[in-house]
Amino acid sequence: MPAQPPTLVPRPTEAAFRPGHFTLDADTALRIGEGAEPAADLLRTLLTPATGLPLRPSPEGRFILTLDPGHGHGHGEPGGFGGPGGSGGLGEEGYVLTVAPHTVLLRAAHPTGLLRGIQTVRQLLPPAALSADPQPGTRWSLPCVDITDVPRHPWRGAMLDVARHFQPVSYLRRYVDLLALHKISVFHLHLTDDQGWRMPVAAHPELTEIGGHRAESQQGPAGSGTYDGIPHGGAYTRSELTGLVRYAAARGVTVVPEIEMPGHVRAALAACPSLGNRPERTLDVWTRWGVCDTVLGVHDEVLDFCRGVLDEVMDVFPSPYIHLGGEECPTAEWTHSAAARERAAAEGLSGPEALHGWFLGKVGEHVVKNGRRPVGWAETGAELPPEFTVMTWRDPAHTLAAARRGHFVINAHHRATYLDYAQSGDPTEPRAQPGAVVDLRAVHAHDPVPDNADAEAAGRVLGTQAQLWTEFVATPAHIEYLTYPRLCALADRGWSGATDWSDFRSRLDGHLPRLDALGVHRHP
């Protein structure tokens, strides 16, 4: 038997297969330790519909789920994300799985670790056990194995842009299911942008009633004069979002919301003109792609509005992190606004351009006062206020620059993590974002920690994240085609660290039948 399971994605830290197997059948019962009920619920939710196995609880059950807090010793990251285990500990996400001929033992120091182990159990079963087609009466075999598994990075994220093209919450739940299968820890939900506002705010229903709908969508790249003439819109209810948060949490996935500010706000300004630098102007929800030059004003009403919106966001999303956007903010409107220039002078700033950092500092302060951590996209790695966790995307050097400034950092370099970029140069591929090619091997090769990072800077890199911007991606099928199998590579690198390409490719080949069993519309 091979020392390393050939088909597990991501690869476990340690795994040793042994002869024999454990049989799952209608008589298999779960022995559920204190605090392990959520993992038992997830196991039944995932396996019973496909296998027909009831997996009833029993004090004599031979499939044992148990918490062992004494094996934690993890170094928790700020804001509640558990880091890798230290001194042999399991941390927040690590687990130990032992499959013997007559017993399965899954233990962890934290409930999230049990949830990660459940996904490994799924992958050890035949792909048919993941299928949506029930197969009652079948006996299922788990190979005998000893696995100890701890992630390298706590932040292993996937961002989905639902502002450019809205997706129903039913699809978001499927998206979460697929993230959980790959031990992705963060679902970054991009809820607002120039082209749509999807987040309900009770005090401002116009944000979704007006800002949630655009007249048409641009066809082709930014600057194209071609439009489809088809209205597009949608918004979530508070109940849908709170339900999504619970659904994701039950699978060990944290939903991190993003509300863009002070740029990428055209939809908000269409709904609430008084928030702009020219409040007398009537704007539409933007129908084009690219960077819109309309931005929020900097008067007190705007700051009060942002605080009120963030209060509702934080009420819906318990995530320790709240993403405030912050990127691609043209400052021309502030330069031409007497009110903005006066604000800059009153705050002692060098000029209107400095209002960008000042604005983010004000809204970030509100997030911090509420016990959360603000996150922002970094243009250079050096422009965000010190309390921000930085998401770098333009250049790998920005990751190191931000870490050396004392920021915690998520490395989301676009040349390795932007899944809206084409997967190959094949012109027959379904259209994605014009620009660079990001193939599977580029994603697999991406190390979130820069090569020249010292130990202190490396310790500030929380992990990595895939992005799917949806200007050119309107359907769930297209989302999945662009996401898989590239997200498998990012998940593997984020959890397992560097792995040999041939090793990953071999394990991925064994993993693809699982995606097929789940009906994923993947890239070949």
Protein backbone atom coordinates (compact mmCIF):
# COMPACT_ATOMS: atom_id res chain seq x y z
CA MET A 1 0.00 0.00 0.00
CA PRO A 2 1.27 3.52 -0.72
CA ALA A 3 2.33 5.62 2.27
CA GLN A 4 0.38 8.60 0.92
CA PRO A 5 -3.25 8.38 -0.21
CA PRO A 6 -3.17 9.01 -3.97
CA THR A 7 -6.60 10.60 -4.25
CA LEU A 8 -7.04 12.89 -1.23
CA VAL A 9 -7.28 16.61 -2.04
CA PRO A 10 -5.86 18.40 -0.16
CA ARG A 11 -3.09 16.01 0.83
CA PRO A 12 -3.03 15.09 4.55
CA THR A 13 -0.02 15.99 6.64
CA GLU A 14 0.60 12.34 7.50
CA ALA A 15 -1.19 9.27 6.20
CA ALA A 16 -0.36 5.58 6.37
CA PHE A 17 -2.61 3.02 4.73
CA ARG A 18 -2.84 -0.50 6.11
CA PRO A 19 -4.45 -3.69 4.81
CA GLY A 20 -8.16 -4.15 5.38
CA HIS A 21 -11.25 -2.00 5.45
CA PHE A 22 -14.14 -0.90 7.64
CA THR A 23 -17.61 -1.66 6.31
CA LEU A 24 -20.33 0.96 6.53
CA ASP A 25 -23.79 -0.57 6.34
CA ALA A 26 -27.28 -0.20 7.78
CA ASP A 27 -26.07 -1.43 11.18
CA THR A 28 -23.26 1.11 11.49
CA ALA A 29 -23.94 3.42 14.44
CA LEU A 30 -22.23 6.59 15.63
CA ARG A 31 -20.77 6.98 19.10
CA ILE A 32 -20.93 10.73 19.58
CA GLY A 33 -18.78 12.38 22.22
CA GLU A 34 -19.67 15.58 24.02
CA GLY A 35 -19.52 18.52 21.62
CA ALA A 36 -19.28 16.28 18.55
CA GLU A 37 -22.97 16.47 17.62
CA PRO A 38 -22.42 19.02 14.80
CA ALA A 39 -19.96 16.67 13.11
CA ALA A 40 -22.40 13.76 13.43
CA ASP A 41 -25.15 15.90 11.93
CA LEU A 42 -22.90 16.82 9.01
CA LEU A 43 -21.88 13.21 8.43
CA ARG A 44 -25.52 12.16 8.20
CA THR A 45 -26.43 15.17 6.05
CA LEU A 46 -23.70 14.33 3.55
CA LEU A 47 -23.84 10.52 3.49
CA THR A 48 -27.36 9.40 4.27
CA PRO A 49 -29.08 10.83 1.13
CA ALA A 50 -26.60 9.12 -1.20
CA THR A 51 -25.91 5.89 0.71
CA GLY A 52 -29.22 5.30 2.44
CA LEU A 53 -27.36 4.59 5.69
CA PRO A 54 -29.17 5.93 8.78
CA LEU A 55 -26.00 6.27 10.89
CA ARG A 56 -27.99 6.28 14.13
CA PRO A 57 -26.42 7.31 17.43
CA SER A 58 -25.54 4.58 19.92
CA PRO A 59 -23.31 4.36 23.00
CA GLU A 60 -21.97 1.13 21.47
CA GLY A 61 -21.36 2.62 18.02
CA ARG A 62 -18.18 1.62 16.24
CA PHE A 63 -17.85 4.92 14.34
CA ILE A 64 -16.57 7.26 17.07
CA LEU A 65 -16.53 11.06 16.97
CA THR A 66 -14.80 12.73 19.89
CA LEU A 67 -13.32 16.03 20.98
CA ASP A 68 -9.97 16.02 22.79
CA PRO A 69 -9.17 19.67 23.67
CA GLY A 70 -5.88 18.65 25.25
CA HIS A 71 -4.46 18.11 21.77
CA GLY A 72 -5.10 21.69 20.63
CA HIS A 73 -2.04 23.80 21.44
CA GLY A 74 -2.76 25.81 18.32
CA HIS A 75 -1.65 29.39 17.85
CA GLY A 76 -4.93 31.18 17.13
CA GLU A 77 -4.84 33.97 14.58
CA PRO A 78 -6.26 37.41 15.43
CA GLY A 79 -10.00 37.63 14.95
CA GLY A 80 -10.72 34.02 15.69
CA PHE A 81 -9.10 32.07 12.88
CA GLY A 82 -7.17 29.14 14.32
CA GLY A 83 -3.68 28.64 13.06
CA PRO A 84 -1.76 25.42 12.63
CA GLY A 85 -1.10 23.34 15.67
CA GLY A 86 2.05 23.92 17.61
CA SER A 87 4.19 21.41 19.50
CA GLY A 88 2.42 18.55 17.81
CA GLY A 89 -1.03 20.03 18.52
CA LEU A 90 -4.02 19.91 16.20
CA GLY A 91 -5.07 23.54 16.46
CA GLU A 92 -8.56 24.60 15.44
CA GLU A 93 -8.78 22.62 12.19
CA GLY A 94 -6.53 19.62 12.67
CA TYR A 95 -7.85 16.10 13.23
CA VAL A 96 -6.73 12.51 13.63
CA LEU A 97 -8.58 9.77 11.75
CA THR A 98 -7.99 6.07 12.41
CA VAL A 99 -9.84 3.50 10.33
CA ALA A 100 -9.47 -0.08 11.53
CA PRO A 101 -11.40 -3.19 10.42
CA HIS A 102 -13.89 -2.92 13.29
CA THR A 103 -13.69 0.73 14.37
CA VAL A 104 -13.44 4.27 13.00
CA LEU A 105 -12.12 6.93 15.37
CA LEU A 106 -12.22 10.60 14.38
CA ARG A 107 -10.92 12.99 16.99
CA ALA A 108 -10.01 16.67 17.08
CA ALA A 109 -9.28 19.40 19.59
CA HIS A 110 -12.00 21.69 18.17
CA PRO A 111 -15.37 21.05 16.50
CA THR A 112 -14.06 22.52 13.23
CA GLY A 113 -11.39 19.84 13.14
CA LEU A 114 -14.07 17.16 13.23
CA LEU A 115 -15.82 18.85 10.29
CA ARG A 116 -12.57 18.73 8.30
CA GLY A 117 -12.18 15.05 9.15
CA ILE A 118 -15.72 14.31 7.92
CA GLN A 119 -14.71 15.61 4.48
CA THR A 120 -11.73 13.25 4.48
CA VAL A 121 -14.08 10.35 5.30
CA ARG A 122 -16.20 11.36 2.30
CA GLN A 123 -13.15 11.30 0.05
CA LEU A 124 -12.09 7.87 1.30
CA LEU A 125 -15.42 6.43 0.15
CA PRO A 126 -16.11 5.57 -3.49
CA PRO A 127 -17.27 8.55 -5.60
CA ALA A 128 -20.78 7.06 -5.75
CA ALA A 129 -21.14 7.91 -2.04
CA LEU A 130 -21.07 11.59 -3.05
CA SER A 131 -23.66 11.20 -5.78
CA ALA A 132 -27.06 12.81 -5.59
CA ASP A 133 -28.60 9.51 -6.72
CA PRO A 134 -29.56 7.45 -3.62
CA GLN A 135 -28.17 3.92 -3.46
CA PRO A 136 -29.87 2.31 -0.46
CA GLY A 137 -28.93 -1.18 0.63
CA THR A 138 -25.31 -0.81 -0.48
CA ARG A 139 -22.37 -1.64 1.78
CA TRP A 140 -19.56 0.88 1.66
CA SER A 141 -15.87 0.30 2.43
CA LEU A 142 -13.44 2.66 4.09
CA PRO A 143 -9.78 1.67 3.67
CA CYS A 144 -7.82 1.17 6.86
CA VAL A 145 -5.63 4.20 7.42
CA ASP A 146 -4.02 6.39 10.05
CA ILE A 147 -4.21 10.10 9.24
CA THR A 148 -2.96 13.09 11.20
CA ASP A 149 -3.82 16.30 9.39
CA VAL A 150 -3.20 19.98 10.19
CA PRO A 151 -3.43 22.88 7.70
CA ARG A 152 -0.45 25.03 6.84
CA HIS A 153 -2.52 28.25 6.53
CA PRO A 154 -5.73 29.19 8.35
CA TRP A 155 -7.09 31.41 5.55
CA ARG A 156 -7.91 29.32 2.51
CA GLY A 157 -10.53 31.37 0.78
CA ALA A 158 -12.72 31.63 -2.29
CA MET A 159 -14.34 34.91 -3.35
CA LEU A 160 -17.48 34.96 -5.48
CA ASP A 161 -18.69 38.22 -6.99
CA VAL A 162 -22.50 38.29 -6.89
CA ALA A 163 -22.67 42.05 -7.52
CA ARG A 164 -21.87 41.90 -11.25
CA HIS A 165 -24.04 38.82 -11.79
CA PHE A 166 -26.46 37.82 -9.06
CA GLN A 167 -26.75 34.19 -8.04
CA PRO A 168 -29.63 32.76 -5.97
CA VAL A 169 -28.92 31.61 -2.44
CA SER A 170 -29.72 28.04 -3.47
CA TYR A 171 -26.62 28.09 -5.66
CA LEU A 172 -24.54 29.75 -2.95
CA ARG A 173 -25.30 26.75 -0.73
CA ARG A 174 -24.04 24.37 -3.39
CA TYR A 175 -20.98 26.57 -3.78
CA VAL A 176 -20.36 26.26 -0.03
CA ASP A 177 -20.75 22.47 -0.19
CA LEU A 178 -18.00 22.27 -2.79
CA LEU A 179 -15.75 24.60 -0.79
CA ALA A 180 -16.18 22.44 2.30
CA LEU A 181 -15.29 19.28 0.37
CA HIS A 182 -11.90 20.87 -0.34
CA LYS A 183 -11.43 22.20 3.23
CA ILE A 184 -11.73 25.82 2.11
CA SER A 185 -12.21 27.84 5.28
CA VAL A 186 -13.50 31.21 3.97
CA PHE A 187 -16.31 32.09 1.58
CA HIS A 188 -15.71 35.74 0.67
CA LEU A 189 -19.01 37.12 -0.63
CA HIS A 190 -18.64 40.25 -2.77
CA LEU A 191 -22.05 41.82 -2.24
CA THR A 192 -21.84 45.34 -3.69
CA ASP A 193 -20.23 47.11 -6.61
CA ASP A 194 -20.91 49.70 -9.30
CA GLN A 195 -23.20 47.27 -11.15
CA GLY A 196 -25.39 46.04 -8.28
CA TRP A 197 -26.16 46.14 -4.55
CA ARG A 198 -27.27 42.77 -3.12
CA MET A 199 -27.15 43.37 0.66
CA PRO A 200 -30.48 44.23 2.36
CA VAL A 201 -30.34 47.26 4.69
CA ALA A 202 -33.57 47.89 6.58
CA ALA A 203 -33.00 51.64 6.90
CA HIS A 204 -32.33 51.99 3.17
CA PRO A 205 -34.60 49.69 1.14
CA GLU A 206 -33.76 51.75 -1.94
CA LEU A 207 -30.30 50.20 -1.98
CA THR A 208 -31.72 46.91 -3.25
CA GLU A 209 -34.93 48.27 -4.81
CA ILE A 210 -32.97 50.68 -7.03
CA GLY A 211 -29.34 49.70 -6.62
CA GLY A 212 -30.06 46.01 -7.10
CA HIS A 213 -31.13 46.42 -10.75
CA ARG A 214 -29.39 47.63 -13.88
CA ALA A 215 -30.90 48.22 -17.29
CA GLU A 216 -28.46 46.07 -19.26
CA SER A 217 -24.92 44.72 -19.24
CA GLN A 218 -21.92 45.55 -21.34
CA GLN A 219 -20.80 42.91 -23.78
CA GLY A 220 -17.10 42.52 -24.41
CA PRO A 221 -14.21 44.16 -22.54
CA ALA A 222 -14.26 47.50 -20.73
CA GLY A 223 -14.65 50.26 -23.32
CA SER A 224 -16.85 48.20 -25.62
CA GLY A 225 -19.96 49.99 -26.89
CA THR A 226 -22.00 46.79 -27.16
CA TYR A 227 -24.74 45.99 -24.62
CA ASP A 228 -27.11 43.06 -24.30
CA GLY A 229 -30.28 45.09 -23.70
CA ILE A 230 -31.36 42.65 -20.95
CA PRO A 231 -32.22 44.00 -17.46
CA HIS A 232 -30.34 42.28 -14.66
CA GLY A 233 -31.06 42.35 -10.96
CA GLY A 234 -31.48 40.58 -7.69
CA ALA A 235 -30.93 40.93 -3.97
CA TYR A 236 -30.90 38.72 -0.91
CA THR A 237 -33.22 38.87 2.04
CA ARG A 238 -31.85 39.03 5.55
CA SER A 239 -33.30 35.58 6.19
CA GLU A 240 -31.53 34.13 3.16
CA LEU A 241 -28.18 35.50 4.28
CA THR A 242 -28.49 34.44 7.91
CA GLY A 243 -29.52 31.00 6.69
CA LEU A 244 -26.48 30.88 4.39
CA VAL A 245 -24.21 31.81 7.30
CA ARG A 246 -25.62 28.95 9.40
CA TYR A 247 -25.38 26.53 6.50
CA ALA A 248 -21.74 27.42 5.90
CA ALA A 249 -20.83 27.31 9.60
CA ALA A 250 -22.25 23.78 9.85
CA ARG A 251 -19.66 22.85 7.22
CA GLY A 252 -16.75 24.72 8.80
CA VAL A 253 -16.86 27.64 6.35
CA THR A 254 -16.88 31.28 7.50
CA VAL A 255 -18.76 33.72 5.25
CA VAL A 256 -16.83 37.00 5.03
CA PRO A 257 -18.99 39.79 3.54
CA GLU A 258 -17.59 42.58 1.39
CA ILE A 259 -19.21 46.01 1.11
CA GLU A 260 -17.20 48.19 -1.26
CA MET A 261 -16.23 51.73 -0.22
CA PRO A 262 -15.37 54.51 -0.97
CA GLY A 263 -15.12 53.50 -4.64
CA HIS A 264 -17.05 50.87 -6.62
CA VAL A 265 -20.26 52.46 -5.25
CA ARG A 266 -22.18 53.56 -8.34
CA ALA A 267 -25.17 51.33 -7.44
CA ALA A 268 -25.36 52.91 -3.97
CA LEU A 269 -25.19 56.42 -5.46
CA ALA A 270 -27.95 55.59 -7.92
CA ALA A 271 -30.12 54.69 -4.94
CA CYS A 272 -28.94 57.45 -2.57
CA PRO A 273 -27.66 60.48 -4.56
CA SER A 274 -27.07 62.53 -1.40
CA LEU A 275 -24.10 60.28 -0.61
CA GLY A 276 -22.18 61.52 -3.64
CA ASN A 277 -19.91 64.45 -4.30
CA ARG A 278 -22.59 65.97 -6.54
CA PRO A 279 -25.84 65.15 -4.72
CA GLU A 280 -27.97 67.01 -7.26
CA ARG A 281 -26.95 64.51 -9.96
CA THR A 282 -29.12 61.52 -10.89
CA LEU A 283 -27.10 58.40 -11.71
CA ASP A 284 -28.04 55.00 -13.03
CA VAL A 285 -26.69 51.68 -11.81
CA TRP A 286 -23.63 51.25 -13.97
CA THR A 287 -24.04 49.04 -17.01
CA ARG A 288 -20.36 49.06 -17.94
CA TRP A 289 -17.33 47.18 -16.60
CA GLY A 290 -14.06 48.67 -15.48
CA VAL A 291 -13.44 51.37 -12.87
CA CYS A 292 -16.20 53.95 -12.41
CA ASP A 293 -15.08 57.47 -11.47
CA THR A 294 -18.01 58.18 -9.11
CA VAL A 295 -17.12 57.72 -5.44
CA LEU A 296 -18.67 58.44 -2.07
CA GLY A 297 -18.51 61.92 -0.64
CA VAL A 298 -16.70 62.55 2.62
CA HIS A 299 -19.36 64.53 4.50
CA ASP A 300 -20.77 63.35 7.84
CA GLU A 301 -23.94 61.92 6.28
CA VAL A 302 -21.80 59.46 4.29
CA LEU A 303 -19.89 58.28 7.33
CA ASP A 304 -23.15 57.81 9.26
CA PHE A 305 -24.57 55.87 6.31
CA CYS A 306 -21.52 53.59 6.17
CA ARG A 307 -21.61 52.93 9.90
CA GLY A 308 -25.32 52.08 9.72
CA VAL A 309 -24.80 49.70 6.80
CA LEU A 310 -21.88 48.02 8.55
CA ASP A 311 -23.94 47.63 11.74
CA GLU A 312 -26.48 45.62 9.76
CA VAL A 313 -23.76 43.67 7.96
CA MET A 314 -22.13 42.74 11.26
CA ASP A 315 -25.50 41.74 12.66
CA VAL A 316 -26.09 39.33 9.76
CA PHE A 317 -22.52 38.05 9.43
CA PRO A 318 -20.76 36.96 12.66
CA SER A 319 -17.44 36.62 10.82
CA PRO A 320 -14.47 38.03 12.72
CA TYR A 321 -13.49 39.77 9.47
CA ILE A 322 -15.47 42.40 7.51
CA HIS A 323 -14.17 43.30 4.05
CA LEU A 324 -14.47 46.99 3.13
CA GLY A 325 -13.13 46.84 -0.43
CA GLY A 326 -11.06 50.00 -0.70
CA GLU A 327 -9.39 49.42 -4.06
CA GLU A 328 -9.54 51.32 -7.36
CA CYS A 329 -10.83 54.58 -5.90
CA PRO A 330 -10.39 57.52 -8.30
CA THR A 331 -9.91 60.78 -6.43
CA ALA A 332 -10.84 63.25 -9.21
CA GLU A 333 -14.29 63.93 -7.73
CA TRP A 334 -12.72 64.85 -4.40
CA THR A 335 -10.19 67.10 -6.13
CA HIS A 336 -13.02 69.01 -7.84
CA SER A 337 -15.28 69.12 -4.76
CA ALA A 338 -15.02 72.17 -2.52
CA ALA A 339 -16.55 70.17 0.33
CA ALA A 340 -13.98 67.39 -0.05
CA ARG A 341 -11.10 69.87 -0.19
CA GLU A 342 -12.41 71.55 2.96
CA ARG A 343 -12.65 68.16 4.69
CA ALA A 344 -9.06 67.36 3.73
CA ALA A 345 -7.85 70.70 5.10
CA ALA A 346 -9.90 70.34 8.30
CA GLU A 347 -8.40 66.89 8.93
CA GLY A 348 -4.88 68.14 8.31
CA LEU A 349 -4.39 66.00 5.23
CA SER A 350 -1.93 66.74 2.46
CA GLY A 351 -4.70 66.98 -0.13
CA PRO A 352 -7.88 65.36 -1.45
CA GLU A 353 -5.96 62.25 -2.52
CA ALA A 354 -5.24 61.50 1.13
CA LEU A 355 -8.98 61.25 1.83
CA HIS A 356 -8.88 57.63 0.68
CA GLY A 357 -6.82 56.44 3.64
CA TRP A 358 -8.65 58.80 5.99
CA PHE A 359 -12.04 57.42 4.88
CA LEU A 360 -10.98 53.81 5.32
CA GLY A 361 -9.55 54.68 8.71
CA LYS A 362 -12.90 56.07 9.82
CA VAL A 363 -14.97 53.08 8.72
CA GLY A 364 -12.29 50.63 9.83
CA GLU A 365 -12.34 52.21 13.29
CA HIS A 366 -16.07 51.50 13.49
CA VAL A 367 -15.49 47.86 12.61
CA VAL A 368 -12.78 47.55 15.25
CA LYS A 369 -15.00 49.15 17.90
CA ASN A 370 -17.47 46.36 17.24
CA GLY A 371 -14.86 43.69 17.89
CA ARG A 372 -14.16 42.80 14.26
CA ARG A 373 -11.18 43.16 11.95
CA PRO A 374 -11.46 45.23 8.74
CA VAL A 375 -10.03 43.78 5.53
CA GLY A 376 -9.12 45.76 2.42
CA TRP A 377 -7.71 45.21 -1.03
CA ALA A 378 -4.18 46.62 -1.27
CA GLU A 379 -2.93 48.52 -4.30
CA THR A 380 0.65 48.74 -2.98
CA GLY A 381 0.63 46.98 0.40
CA ALA A 382 1.47 50.25 2.14
CA GLU A 383 -1.66 52.41 1.91
CA LEU A 384 -4.17 50.84 4.30
CA PRO A 385 -4.59 51.90 7.95
CA PRO A 386 -2.63 49.76 10.42
CA GLU A 387 -5.66 47.94 11.85
CA PHE A 388 -6.54 46.45 8.45
CA THR A 389 -5.86 42.92 7.36
CA VAL A 390 -4.51 43.34 3.86
CA MET A 391 -5.53 41.38 0.78
CA THR A 392 -2.80 41.84 -1.83
CA TRP A 393 -3.57 41.18 -5.47
CA ARG A 394 -1.44 43.27 -7.83
CA ASP A 395 2.12 42.13 -7.09
CA PRO A 396 3.70 39.46 -4.87
CA ALA A 397 6.05 42.13 -3.49
CA HIS A 398 3.05 43.88 -1.93
CA THR A 399 2.51 40.88 0.35
CA LEU A 400 5.95 41.29 1.83
CA ALA A 401 5.59 45.08 2.05
CA ALA A 402 2.32 44.79 3.97
CA ALA A 403 3.64 42.09 6.30
CA ARG A 404 6.73 44.15 7.12
CA ARG A 405 4.47 47.10 7.98
CA GLY A 406 2.83 44.90 10.59
CA HIS A 407 -0.32 43.93 8.71
CA PHE A 408 -1.72 40.43 8.59
CA VAL A 409 -1.94 39.51 4.91
CA ILE A 410 -3.89 37.27 2.54
CA ASN A 411 -1.97 36.70 -0.69
CA ALA A 412 -4.40 36.84 -3.63
CA HIS A 413 -1.99 37.55 -6.49
CA HIS A 414 -4.06 37.86 -9.64
CA ARG A 415 -1.64 35.87 -11.81
CA ALA A 416 -2.24 32.79 -9.65
CA THR A 417 -5.65 33.20 -7.99
CA TYR A 418 -7.98 35.03 -10.42
CA LEU A 419 -10.23 32.29 -11.71
CA ASP A 420 -12.04 34.62 -14.13
CA TYR A 421 -8.84 34.56 -16.19
CA ALA A 422 -8.80 31.92 -18.92
CA GLN A 423 -7.48 28.46 -18.05
CA SER A 424 -5.63 28.14 -21.34
CA GLY A 425 -5.05 29.99 -24.58
CA ASP A 426 -7.64 27.86 -26.38
CA PRO A 427 -9.95 30.34 -28.17
CA THR A 428 -12.86 27.89 -27.99
CA GLU A 429 -13.06 28.10 -24.19
CA PRO A 430 -16.14 29.80 -22.75
CA ARG A 431 -15.38 33.49 -22.41
CA ALA A 432 -13.71 34.64 -19.22
CA GLN A 433 -12.08 37.92 -18.24
CA PRO A 434 -9.88 39.18 -21.10
CA GLY A 435 -6.25 39.15 -20.11
CA ALA A 436 -3.77 36.72 -18.68
CA VAL A 437 -4.02 32.95 -18.62
CA VAL A 438 -4.00 31.33 -15.17
CA ASP A 439 -3.63 27.62 -15.72
CA LEU A 440 -3.85 24.80 -13.18
CA ARG A 441 -0.10 24.62 -12.78
CA ALA A 442 0.17 28.35 -12.01
CA VAL A 443 -2.37 27.99 -9.19
CA HIS A 444 -0.59 24.93 -7.81
CA ALA A 445 2.78 26.71 -7.86
CA HIS A 446 1.58 29.77 -5.92
CA ASP A 447 3.15 30.00 -2.47
CA PRO A 448 1.33 32.57 -0.32
CA VAL A 449 4.55 33.29 1.60
CA PRO A 450 7.14 35.26 -0.43
CA ASP A 451 10.47 33.50 -0.87
CA ASN A 452 12.40 36.33 0.77
CA ALA A 453 10.15 36.71 3.81
CA ASP A 454 11.82 36.48 7.19
CA ALA A 455 10.16 34.44 9.94
CA GLU A 456 8.27 37.41 11.39
CA ALA A 457 6.87 38.51 8.03
CA ALA A 458 6.04 34.92 7.05
CA GLY A 459 4.07 34.54 10.27
CA ARG A 460 1.85 37.43 9.23
CA VAL A 461 0.72 35.72 6.02
CA LEU A 462 -2.62 34.14 6.90
CA GLY A 463 -2.98 32.29 3.62
CA THR A 464 -4.37 32.64 0.14
CA GLN A 465 -7.65 33.06 -1.69
CA ALA A 466 -9.14 32.48 -5.14
CA GLN A 467 -11.19 35.23 -6.81
CA LEU A 468 -13.99 34.89 -9.35
CA TRP A 469 -15.12 38.26 -10.68
CA THR A 470 -18.27 37.80 -12.70
CA GLU A 471 -18.45 40.54 -15.33
CA PHE A 472 -18.37 37.78 -17.93
CA VAL A 473 -19.69 34.92 -15.80
CA ALA A 474 -23.48 34.81 -15.55
CA THR A 475 -24.42 31.19 -14.80
CA PRO A 476 -23.63 28.54 -12.17
CA ALA A 477 -22.32 26.24 -14.89
CA HIS A 478 -19.80 28.86 -16.01
CA ILE A 479 -18.80 29.55 -12.38
CA GLU A 480 -18.01 25.88 -11.86
CA TYR A 481 -16.22 25.54 -15.20
CA LEU A 482 -13.85 28.34 -14.22
CA THR A 483 -13.49 27.24 -10.60
CA TYR A 484 -12.76 23.52 -10.92
CA PRO A 485 -10.28 21.98 -10.89
CA ARG A 486 -8.21 25.14 -10.29
CA LEU A 487 -9.66 25.63 -6.81
CA CYS A 488 -8.51 22.08 -6.00
CA ALA A 489 -4.94 23.27 -6.58
CA LEU A 490 -5.37 26.33 -4.37
CA ALA A 491 -6.96 24.24 -1.62
CA ASP A 492 -4.09 21.77 -1.79
CA ARG A 493 -1.42 24.48 -1.59
CA GLY A 494 -3.18 26.35 1.21
CA TRP A 495 -3.73 23.26 3.36
CA SER A 496 -0.77 21.04 2.48
CA GLY A 497 1.94 23.52 1.52
CA ALA A 498 4.21 22.78 -1.41
CA THR A 499 3.60 19.46 -3.13
CA ASP A 500 5.27 17.95 -6.14
CA TRP A 501 3.34 18.63 -9.34
CA SER A 502 3.24 14.98 -10.38
CA ASP A 503 1.98 14.03 -6.91
CA PHE A 504 -0.78 16.62 -7.07
CA ARG A 505 -1.69 15.72 -10.64
CA SER A 506 -1.97 12.04 -9.68
CA ARG A 507 -4.19 12.80 -6.70
CA LEU A 508 -6.30 15.20 -8.76
CA ASP A 509 -6.89 12.53 -11.42
CA GLY A 510 -8.32 10.35 -8.66
CA HIS A 511 -10.35 13.25 -7.30
CA LEU A 512 -12.07 14.28 -10.53
CA PRO A 513 -14.56 11.38 -10.44
CA ARG A 514 -15.85 12.84 -7.15
CA LEU A 515 -16.53 16.15 -8.87
CA ASP A 516 -18.25 14.26 -11.67
CA ALA A 517 -20.40 12.35 -9.17
CA LEU A 518 -21.46 15.70 -7.69
CA GLY A 519 -22.40 17.01 -11.13
CA VAL A 520 -19.75 19.73 -11.19
CA HIS A 521 -19.51 21.44 -14.59
CA ARG A 522 -15.74 21.40 -14.48
CA HIS A 523 -13.03 22.18 -16.97
CA PRO A 524 -11.78 18.94 -18.56
